[in-house]
N, C-alpha and C. Protein backbone atom coordinates (compact mmCIF):
# COMPACT_ATOMS: atom_id res chain seq x y z
N UNK A 1 22.61 3.43 13.77
CA UNK A 1 21.54 2.14 13.61
C UNK A 1 20.04 2.75 13.18
N UNK A 2 19.73 2.11 12.29
CA UNK A 2 18.39 2.57 11.42
C UNK A 2 17.26 1.96 12.40
N UNK A 3 16.34 2.53 12.54
CA UNK A 3 15.34 2.20 13.39
C UNK A 3 14.67 0.50 13.00
N UNK A 4 14.93 0.44 11.73
CA UNK A 4 14.16 -0.74 11.11
C UNK A 4 15.28 -2.03 11.32
N UNK A 5 16.46 -1.84 12.02
CA UNK A 5 17.61 -2.82 12.13
C UNK A 5 17.46 -3.71 13.35
N UNK A 6 17.63 -4.78 13.28
CA UNK A 6 17.52 -5.71 14.81
C UNK A 6 18.88 -5.43 15.48
N UNK A 7 18.74 -5.24 16.72
CA UNK A 7 19.94 -5.23 17.47
C UNK A 7 20.55 -6.35 18.31
N UNK A 8 19.56 -7.19 18.39
CA UNK A 8 19.67 -8.58 18.87
C UNK A 8 19.24 -9.73 17.82
N UNK A 9 19.76 -11.03 17.83
CA UNK A 9 19.43 -11.98 16.85
C UNK A 9 18.06 -12.60 17.28
N UNK A 10 17.11 -12.43 16.30
CA UNK A 10 15.55 -12.95 16.73
C UNK A 10 15.74 -14.47 16.91
N UNK A 11 16.76 -15.37 16.53
CA UNK A 11 17.07 -16.68 16.76
C UNK A 11 17.44 -17.06 18.00
N UNK A 12 18.62 -16.44 18.22
CA UNK A 12 19.31 -17.06 19.59
C UNK A 12 19.51 -15.84 20.31
N UNK A 13 19.22 -14.74 20.38
CA UNK A 13 19.14 -13.60 21.48
C UNK A 13 20.70 -12.89 21.40
N UNK A 14 21.83 -13.58 20.78
CA UNK A 14 22.90 -12.42 20.51
C UNK A 14 23.16 -11.40 20.06
N UNK A 15 23.90 -10.36 20.32
CA UNK A 15 23.89 -9.25 19.75
C UNK A 15 24.57 -9.38 18.31
N UNK A 16 23.73 -8.67 17.47
CA UNK A 16 24.28 -8.49 16.22
C UNK A 16 25.47 -7.79 16.02
N UNK A 17 26.39 -8.00 14.72
CA UNK A 17 27.59 -7.16 14.52
C UNK A 17 26.97 -6.87 13.16
N UNK A 18 27.99 -6.26 12.66
CA UNK A 18 27.73 -5.64 11.01
C UNK A 18 28.93 -5.92 10.32
N UNK A 19 28.68 -6.55 8.95
CA UNK A 19 29.84 -7.05 8.26
C UNK A 19 29.47 -7.11 6.97
N UNK A 20 30.39 -7.42 5.94
CA UNK A 20 30.01 -7.63 4.48
C UNK A 20 29.38 -9.12 4.30
N UNK A 21 28.13 -9.22 3.88
CA UNK A 21 27.45 -10.53 4.04
C UNK A 21 26.66 -10.23 2.48
N UNK A 22 26.73 -11.32 1.46
CA UNK A 22 25.87 -11.11 0.00
C UNK A 22 26.12 -9.89 -0.47
N UNK A 23 27.16 -9.50 -0.79
CA UNK A 23 27.49 -8.40 -1.54
C UNK A 23 27.27 -6.91 -1.10
N UNK A 24 26.87 -6.55 0.43
CA UNK A 24 26.64 -5.49 1.16
C UNK A 24 27.05 -5.58 2.63
N UNK A 25 26.89 -4.36 2.96
CA UNK A 25 27.17 -4.55 4.63
C UNK A 25 25.65 -4.85 5.20
N UNK A 26 25.72 -5.88 6.20
CA UNK A 26 24.53 -6.31 6.82
C UNK A 26 24.80 -6.69 8.33
N UNK A 27 23.70 -6.57 8.80
CA UNK A 27 23.87 -7.04 10.14
C UNK A 27 23.75 -8.32 10.54
N UNK A 28 24.52 -9.36 11.20
CA UNK A 28 24.49 -10.78 11.03
C UNK A 28 24.75 -10.89 12.76
N UNK A 29 24.25 -12.40 12.78
CA UNK A 29 24.63 -13.00 14.16
C UNK A 29 25.92 -14.10 14.21
N UNK A 30 26.83 -13.60 14.67
CA UNK A 30 28.24 -14.42 14.69
C UNK A 30 28.12 -15.67 15.57
N UNK A 31 27.24 -15.67 16.39
CA UNK A 31 26.91 -17.05 17.11
C UNK A 31 25.97 -18.18 16.24
N UNK A 32 24.80 -17.67 15.67
CA UNK A 32 24.07 -18.89 14.86
C UNK A 32 24.00 -18.84 13.20
N UNK A 33 24.69 -17.52 13.00
CA UNK A 33 24.79 -17.25 11.20
C UNK A 33 23.51 -16.46 10.87
N UNK A 34 22.55 -15.95 11.42
CA UNK A 34 21.57 -15.20 11.18
C UNK A 34 22.23 -14.00 10.40
N UNK A 35 21.45 -13.83 9.09
CA UNK A 35 21.90 -12.60 8.27
C UNK A 35 20.66 -11.98 8.20
N UNK A 36 20.41 -10.48 8.49
CA UNK A 36 19.36 -9.46 8.34
C UNK A 36 19.23 -9.07 7.23
N UNK A 37 18.43 -9.71 6.16
CA UNK A 37 17.99 -8.70 5.09
C UNK A 37 17.00 -8.06 4.98
N UNK A 38 17.04 -6.60 4.91
CA UNK A 38 16.30 -5.58 5.02
C UNK A 38 15.36 -5.69 4.05
N UNK A 39 14.22 -6.50 3.97
CA UNK A 39 13.35 -6.55 2.49
C UNK A 39 12.38 -5.38 2.43
N UNK A 40 11.88 -4.82 1.40
CA UNK A 40 10.99 -3.85 1.36
C UNK A 40 9.49 -4.30 1.66
N UNK A 41 8.80 -3.57 1.91
CA UNK A 41 7.38 -3.63 1.98
C UNK A 41 6.73 -3.57 0.77
N UNK A 42 5.79 -4.60 0.57
CA UNK A 42 4.90 -4.40 -0.86
C UNK A 42 3.32 -4.05 -0.32
N UNK A 43 2.97 -2.88 -1.04
CA UNK A 43 1.52 -2.54 -0.78
C UNK A 43 0.82 -2.55 -2.21
N UNK A 44 -0.73 -2.54 -2.16
CA UNK A 44 -1.58 -2.85 -3.57
C UNK A 44 -2.44 -1.88 -3.26
N UNK A 45 -2.83 -1.19 -4.44
CA UNK A 45 -3.97 -0.49 -4.32
C UNK A 45 -4.81 -0.61 -5.72
N UNK A 46 -5.92 -0.30 -5.50
CA UNK A 46 -7.03 -0.64 -6.50
C UNK A 46 -7.59 0.87 -7.36
N UNK A 47 -7.92 0.84 -8.59
CA UNK A 47 -8.61 1.99 -9.29
C UNK A 47 -9.72 1.29 -10.05
N UNK A 48 -10.79 1.37 -9.05
CA UNK A 48 -12.03 0.85 -9.37
C UNK A 48 -12.73 1.73 -9.99
N UNK A 49 -13.43 1.33 -11.07
CA UNK A 49 -14.09 2.73 -11.89
C UNK A 49 -15.74 1.99 -12.26
N UNK A 50 -16.46 2.72 -11.94
CA UNK A 50 -18.01 2.52 -12.31
C UNK A 50 -18.68 3.75 -13.05
N UNK A 51 -19.05 3.61 -14.22
CA UNK A 51 -20.00 4.67 -14.86
C UNK A 51 -18.93 5.94 -14.78
N UNK A 52 -17.84 5.58 -15.20
CA UNK A 52 -16.59 7.06 -15.43
C UNK A 52 -16.36 7.73 -13.99
N UNK A 53 -16.85 7.43 -12.74
CA UNK A 53 -16.53 7.52 -11.50
C UNK A 53 -15.39 6.41 -11.14
N UNK A 54 -14.69 6.98 -10.10
CA UNK A 54 -13.67 6.13 -9.29
C UNK A 54 -13.73 6.19 -8.04
N UNK A 55 -13.36 4.90 -7.52
CA UNK A 55 -13.80 4.89 -5.94
C UNK A 55 -12.44 5.55 -4.96
N UNK A 56 -13.00 6.39 -4.17
CA UNK A 56 -11.93 6.56 -3.03
C UNK A 56 -12.13 6.75 -1.65
N UNK A 57 -11.14 6.59 -1.02
CA UNK A 57 -11.49 6.41 0.81
C UNK A 57 -10.55 7.42 1.08
N UNK A 58 -11.48 7.85 2.05
CA UNK A 58 -10.74 9.41 3.14
C UNK A 58 -9.90 8.26 4.15
N UNK A 59 -8.79 8.62 4.41
CA UNK A 59 -8.09 7.64 5.14
C UNK A 59 -8.43 8.08 6.65
N UNK A 60 -8.46 6.82 7.73
CA UNK A 60 -8.47 7.42 8.95
C UNK A 60 -7.34 6.93 9.63
N UNK A 61 -6.12 6.71 8.89
CA UNK A 61 -4.89 6.55 9.43
C UNK A 61 -3.68 7.13 9.09
N UNK A 62 -2.62 7.14 9.81
CA UNK A 62 -1.27 7.71 9.45
C UNK A 62 -0.68 7.07 8.28
N UNK A 63 -0.10 7.49 7.31
CA UNK A 63 -0.03 8.97 7.13
C UNK A 63 -1.38 9.54 6.11
N UNK A 64 -1.40 10.93 6.49
CA UNK A 64 -2.19 11.70 5.65
C UNK A 64 -3.77 11.45 5.99
N UNK A 65 -3.86 11.34 7.32
CA UNK A 65 -5.31 11.23 7.74
C UNK A 65 -6.47 12.37 7.41
N UNK A 66 -7.48 11.93 6.97
CA UNK A 66 -8.24 12.84 6.47
C UNK A 66 -8.21 13.14 4.66
N UNK A 67 -7.17 12.74 4.12
CA UNK A 67 -7.10 12.51 2.81
C UNK A 67 -7.70 11.88 1.92
N UNK A 68 -7.75 11.84 0.71
CA UNK A 68 -8.35 10.66 -0.16
C UNK A 68 -7.24 10.08 -0.69
N UNK A 69 -7.77 8.49 -1.13
CA UNK A 69 -6.58 7.85 -1.67
C UNK A 69 -7.52 6.76 -2.56
N UNK A 70 -7.22 5.75 -3.08
CA UNK A 70 -7.76 4.88 -3.69
C UNK A 70 -7.49 3.77 -2.61
N UNK A 71 -8.49 2.45 -2.45
CA UNK A 71 -8.34 1.35 -1.65
C UNK A 71 -7.28 0.96 -1.75
N UNK A 72 -6.55 0.62 -0.50
CA UNK A 72 -5.05 0.05 -0.64
C UNK A 72 -4.57 -0.45 0.70
N UNK A 73 -3.59 -1.10 0.72
CA UNK A 73 -3.11 -1.85 2.11
C UNK A 73 -1.85 -2.62 1.65
N UNK A 74 -1.22 -3.06 2.70
CA UNK A 74 -0.10 -3.95 2.64
C UNK A 74 -0.31 -5.47 2.31
N UNK A 75 0.66 -6.09 1.68
CA UNK A 75 0.52 -7.47 1.30
C UNK A 75 1.23 -8.22 2.57
N UNK A 76 0.32 -9.15 2.94
CA UNK A 76 0.75 -10.02 4.44
C UNK A 76 1.95 -10.94 3.68
N UNK A 77 2.94 -11.49 4.53
CA UNK A 77 3.78 -12.52 4.24
C UNK A 77 3.29 -13.71 3.56
N UNK A 78 2.15 -14.18 3.80
CA UNK A 78 1.59 -15.21 3.08
C UNK A 78 0.59 -15.14 1.93
N UNK A 79 0.61 -13.98 1.65
CA UNK A 79 -0.60 -13.49 0.50
C UNK A 79 0.33 -13.36 -0.86
N UNK A 80 -0.60 -13.46 -1.90
CA UNK A 80 0.02 -13.15 -3.25
C UNK A 80 -0.68 -11.28 -3.29
N UNK A 81 -0.02 -11.03 -3.99
CA UNK A 81 -0.70 -9.63 -4.20
C UNK A 81 -2.29 -9.06 -4.82
N UNK A 82 -2.68 -9.97 -5.72
CA UNK A 82 -4.13 -9.85 -6.09
C UNK A 82 -5.04 -10.25 -4.73
N UNK A 83 -4.78 -11.13 -4.21
CA UNK A 83 -5.87 -11.60 -3.23
C UNK A 83 -5.36 -10.61 -2.01
N UNK A 84 -4.22 -10.12 -1.57
CA UNK A 84 -4.21 -9.18 -0.70
C UNK A 84 -5.08 -7.74 -0.75
N UNK A 85 -5.08 -7.59 -2.20
CA UNK A 85 -5.90 -6.53 -2.51
C UNK A 85 -7.46 -6.74 -2.66
N UNK A 86 -8.12 -7.81 -2.92
CA UNK A 86 -9.03 -8.12 -2.74
C UNK A 86 -9.79 -8.05 -1.41
N UNK A 87 -8.68 -8.63 -0.38
CA UNK A 87 -9.21 -8.61 1.11
C UNK A 87 -9.50 -6.84 1.62
N UNK A 88 -8.14 -6.08 1.12
CA UNK A 88 -8.03 -4.72 1.55
C UNK A 88 -9.29 -3.94 1.04
N UNK A 89 -9.64 -3.98 -0.08
CA UNK A 89 -10.74 -3.39 -0.91
C UNK A 89 -12.18 -3.60 -0.24
N UNK A 90 -12.26 -4.96 0.19
CA UNK A 90 -13.48 -5.28 1.07
C UNK A 90 -13.60 -4.66 2.20
N UNK A 91 -12.39 -4.96 3.17
CA UNK A 91 -12.12 -4.25 4.29
C UNK A 91 -12.41 -2.85 4.47
N UNK A 92 -12.06 -2.38 3.41
CA UNK A 92 -11.83 -0.77 3.53
C UNK A 92 -13.08 0.01 2.89
N UNK A 93 -13.98 -0.79 2.30
CA UNK A 93 -15.21 -0.43 1.63
C UNK A 93 -16.48 -1.20 1.31
N UNK A 94 -16.11 -2.53 1.87
CA UNK A 94 -17.48 -3.33 2.02
C UNK A 94 -17.48 -4.03 0.47
N UNK A 95 -16.66 -3.48 -0.62
CA UNK A 95 -16.99 -4.11 -2.01
C UNK A 95 -16.34 -5.49 -2.24
N UNK A 96 -16.52 -6.34 -2.85
CA UNK A 96 -15.57 -7.40 -3.37
C UNK A 96 -15.51 -7.01 -4.65
N UNK A 97 -13.96 -7.48 -5.26
CA UNK A 97 -13.75 -6.79 -6.52
C UNK A 97 -12.78 -8.08 -7.17
N UNK A 98 -13.01 -8.05 -8.45
CA UNK A 98 -12.41 -8.94 -9.16
C UNK A 98 -11.11 -8.11 -9.76
N UNK A 99 -10.01 -8.67 -9.50
CA UNK A 99 -8.69 -7.56 -9.75
C UNK A 99 -8.08 -7.70 -11.18
N UNK A 100 -7.60 -6.61 -11.93
CA UNK A 100 -7.14 -6.95 -13.37
C UNK A 100 -5.93 -6.63 -13.17
N UNK A 101 -5.27 -6.12 -14.43
CA UNK A 101 -3.94 -5.86 -14.49
C UNK A 101 -3.22 -4.60 -13.87
N UNK A 102 -2.12 -4.74 -13.64
CA UNK A 102 -1.24 -3.95 -13.19
C UNK A 102 -1.32 -2.52 -14.07
N UNK A 103 -1.07 -1.45 -13.19
CA UNK A 103 -1.54 -0.40 -13.96
C UNK A 103 0.10 0.71 -13.91
N UNK A 104 0.30 0.56 -12.83
CA UNK A 104 1.76 1.09 -12.35
C UNK A 104 2.29 0.46 -11.36
N UNK A 105 3.49 0.98 -11.17
CA UNK A 105 4.22 0.76 -10.07
C UNK A 105 4.98 1.95 -9.42
N UNK A 106 4.70 2.11 -8.18
CA UNK A 106 5.31 3.28 -7.62
C UNK A 106 5.93 3.00 -6.34
N UNK A 107 6.98 3.78 -5.99
CA UNK A 107 7.37 3.84 -4.46
C UNK A 107 6.35 4.16 -3.22
N UNK A 108 6.54 3.11 -2.27
CA UNK A 108 5.79 3.84 -0.87
C UNK A 108 5.77 5.15 -0.73
N UNK A 109 4.49 5.74 -0.91
CA UNK A 109 4.55 6.95 -0.38
C UNK A 109 4.97 7.34 0.98
N UNK A 110 4.51 6.76 1.92
CA UNK A 110 5.33 7.04 3.41
C UNK A 110 6.86 7.00 3.33
N UNK A 111 6.99 8.11 3.93
CA UNK A 111 8.27 8.14 3.53
C UNK A 111 8.94 7.36 4.92
N UNK A 112 8.45 6.88 6.04
CA UNK A 112 9.10 6.04 6.98
C UNK A 112 8.89 4.56 6.62
N UNK A 113 8.59 4.11 5.69
CA UNK A 113 8.82 2.81 4.87
C UNK A 113 9.27 2.94 3.38
N UNK A 114 10.07 1.92 3.26
CA UNK A 114 10.77 1.44 1.91
C UNK A 114 9.85 0.26 1.55
N UNK A 115 9.62 0.44 0.04
CA UNK A 115 9.06 -0.61 -0.82
C UNK A 115 8.42 0.22 -2.01
N UNK A 116 7.41 -1.08 -2.66
CA UNK A 116 6.73 -0.55 -3.61
C UNK A 116 5.25 -0.75 -3.44
N UNK A 117 4.61 0.19 -4.44
CA UNK A 117 3.14 0.25 -4.49
C UNK A 117 2.59 -0.37 -6.03
N UNK A 118 2.25 -1.33 -5.80
CA UNK A 118 1.30 -1.63 -7.15
C UNK A 118 0.06 -1.25 -7.45
N UNK A 119 -0.35 -0.57 -8.37
CA UNK A 119 -1.48 -0.09 -8.70
C UNK A 119 -2.33 -1.21 -9.51
N UNK A 120 -3.50 -1.72 -9.32
CA UNK A 120 -4.20 -2.57 -10.23
C UNK A 120 -5.67 -1.93 -10.40
N UNK A 121 -5.99 -2.17 -11.70
CA UNK A 121 -7.51 -1.95 -11.97
C UNK A 121 -8.27 -3.16 -11.49
N UNK A 122 -9.14 -2.74 -11.18
CA UNK A 122 -10.40 -3.79 -10.26
C UNK A 122 -11.90 -3.21 -10.41
N UNK A 123 -12.61 -4.37 -10.52
CA UNK A 123 -14.07 -4.41 -10.91
C UNK A 123 -14.98 -4.64 -10.01
N UNK A 124 -15.98 -4.05 -9.67
CA UNK A 124 -16.75 -4.45 -8.29
C UNK A 124 -17.41 -5.46 -8.47
N UNK A 125 -17.52 -6.76 -8.38
CA UNK A 125 -18.28 -7.95 -8.62
C UNK A 125 -19.50 -8.09 -7.26
N UNK A 126 -19.43 -7.30 -5.93
CA UNK A 126 -20.62 -7.55 -5.11
C UNK A 126 -20.23 -6.86 -3.92
N UNK A 127 -21.05 -7.10 -2.81
CA UNK A 127 -20.88 -6.01 -1.54
C UNK A 127 -21.55 -4.91 -1.66
N UNK A 128 -21.71 -4.10 -0.41
CA UNK A 128 -22.48 -2.83 -0.43
C UNK A 128 -21.43 -1.72 0.15
N UNK A 129 -21.37 -0.62 -0.69
CA UNK A 129 -20.26 0.47 -0.41
C UNK A 129 -20.81 1.01 1.02
N UNK A 130 -19.39 0.92 2.04
CA UNK A 130 -19.63 1.38 3.45
C UNK A 130 -17.83 1.51 3.86
N UNK A 131 -17.65 2.50 4.57
CA UNK A 131 -16.75 2.68 5.21
C UNK A 131 -16.16 1.64 6.08
N UNK A 132 -14.89 1.12 6.12
CA UNK A 132 -14.79 -0.18 6.95
C UNK A 132 -13.30 0.23 7.26
N UNK A 133 -12.21 -0.64 7.61
CA UNK A 133 -10.99 -0.71 8.46
C UNK A 133 -10.36 0.68 7.93
N UNK A 134 -9.76 1.42 8.80
CA UNK A 134 -8.56 2.89 8.36
C UNK A 134 -9.57 3.60 7.61
N UNK A 135 -10.81 3.52 7.58
CA UNK A 135 -11.31 4.29 6.41
C UNK A 135 -12.69 5.35 7.06
N UNK A 136 -12.65 6.74 7.05
CA UNK A 136 -13.64 7.02 7.38
C UNK A 136 -14.72 7.45 6.66
N UNK A 137 -14.33 7.19 5.10
CA UNK A 137 -15.82 7.60 4.18
C UNK A 137 -15.08 6.81 2.90
N UNK A 138 -16.29 6.18 2.09
CA UNK A 138 -15.79 5.87 0.90
C UNK A 138 -16.77 6.49 -0.07
N UNK A 139 -16.49 6.83 -1.28
CA UNK A 139 -17.17 7.74 -2.50
C UNK A 139 -16.73 7.39 -3.76
N UNK A 140 -17.83 7.21 -4.35
CA UNK A 140 -17.69 7.36 -5.97
C UNK A 140 -17.33 9.10 -6.22
N UNK A 141 -16.30 9.31 -7.09
CA UNK A 141 -15.92 10.60 -7.37
C UNK A 141 -15.93 10.62 -9.26
N UNK A 142 -16.67 11.60 -9.68
CA UNK A 142 -16.05 11.94 -11.14
C UNK A 142 -14.95 13.05 -11.34
N UNK A 143 -14.60 13.36 -12.28
CA UNK A 143 -13.59 14.65 -12.49
C UNK A 143 -14.12 15.97 -12.16
N UNK A 144 -15.26 16.13 -12.23
CA UNK A 144 -15.91 17.32 -11.74
C UNK A 144 -15.98 17.48 -10.42
N UNK A 145 -15.93 16.43 -9.66
CA UNK A 145 -16.26 16.66 -8.09
C UNK A 145 -15.05 16.05 -7.23
N UNK A 146 -13.91 15.39 -8.07
CA UNK A 146 -12.98 14.97 -7.25
C UNK A 146 -12.21 15.86 -6.33
N UNK A 147 -11.84 15.24 -5.22
CA UNK A 147 -11.13 16.16 -4.15
C UNK A 147 -9.70 16.48 -4.37
N UNK A 148 -9.34 16.96 -5.60
CA UNK A 148 -7.99 17.42 -6.11
C UNK A 148 -6.97 18.04 -5.14
N UNK A 149 -7.77 19.02 -4.33
CA UNK A 149 -6.64 19.77 -3.42
C UNK A 149 -6.63 18.82 -2.04
N UNK A 150 -7.28 17.54 -1.91
CA UNK A 150 -7.15 16.63 -0.54
C UNK A 150 -6.64 15.27 -1.03
N UNK A 151 -6.02 15.25 -2.04
CA UNK A 151 -5.21 13.53 -2.54
C UNK A 151 -4.48 13.23 -1.36
N UNK A 152 -4.45 12.27 -1.08
CA UNK A 152 -3.22 11.55 0.34
C UNK A 152 -2.04 11.83 -0.44
N UNK A 153 -1.63 11.52 -1.73
CA UNK A 153 -0.13 11.44 -2.11
C UNK A 153 -0.13 11.94 -3.41
N UNK A 154 0.71 12.43 -3.90
CA UNK A 154 1.60 12.77 -5.15
C UNK A 154 0.80 11.99 -6.56
N UNK A 155 0.90 10.53 -6.24
CA UNK A 155 0.65 9.70 -7.13
C UNK A 155 -1.03 9.33 -7.65
N UNK A 156 -1.58 10.00 -6.46
CA UNK A 156 -2.81 10.07 -6.75
C UNK A 156 -3.21 10.88 -7.61
N UNK A 157 -2.89 12.00 -7.81
CA UNK A 157 -3.07 13.21 -8.68
C UNK A 157 -2.60 12.46 -10.10
N UNK A 158 -1.73 12.01 -10.22
CA UNK A 158 -1.19 11.35 -11.62
C UNK A 158 -2.28 10.19 -11.68
N UNK A 159 -2.55 9.45 -11.09
CA UNK A 159 -3.49 8.37 -11.45
C UNK A 159 -5.06 9.04 -12.07
N UNK A 160 -5.01 10.00 -11.09
CA UNK A 160 -6.69 10.73 -11.81
C UNK A 160 -6.38 11.50 -12.91
N UNK A 161 -5.34 11.98 -13.18
CA UNK A 161 -4.94 13.01 -14.33
C UNK A 161 -5.34 11.88 -15.37
N UNK A 162 -4.73 10.65 -15.17
CA UNK A 162 -4.39 9.83 -16.39
C UNK A 162 -6.13 9.33 -16.71
N UNK A 163 -6.72 9.09 -15.64
CA UNK A 163 -8.13 8.50 -15.88
C UNK A 163 -9.11 9.60 -16.71
N UNK A 164 -8.91 10.82 -16.35
CA UNK A 164 -9.77 11.90 -16.64
C UNK A 164 -8.92 13.00 -17.44
N UNK A 165 -7.87 13.15 -17.67
CA UNK A 165 -7.17 14.30 -17.92
C UNK A 165 -6.90 15.29 -17.01
N UNK A 166 -6.32 16.68 -17.18
CA UNK A 166 -6.32 17.73 -16.23
C UNK A 166 -7.49 18.09 -15.47
N UNK A 167 -7.62 18.26 -14.34
CA UNK A 167 -8.75 18.93 -13.64
C UNK A 167 -9.05 20.48 -14.18
């Protein structure tokens, strides 16, 4: 049993069983018909550039506490990805952004979660830089002072190398 699996039906409380449903084995409720679809998480992140520098945040939460990453977070069930990203960037950095195009799509870097990470470009449109939720520091970095050895996730290295070339 996977820790992401339900044991009891969230609708009626009956114990779930496993069986072939909609093309694969899934947990289902023989009492009310509920089927547990294991949907992936969706996270969004922003490459915010200003004067050749990129905005990075120092993570204050698991995984990779103390390491640097782009502002990012999870999309809530009632949000669109771009609106979620605007919210996350403002919560983490105090800055309001306009969200542009998708730059890349990655797997989630957190090994405890399955899902996708959409990386967008974004432009500052207001606010004042300050660390916020889940963040201990927020700073602008150029290629010469970027924290290459303290980046939270492998794809952060790839992102910065794409922006500036090799360190």
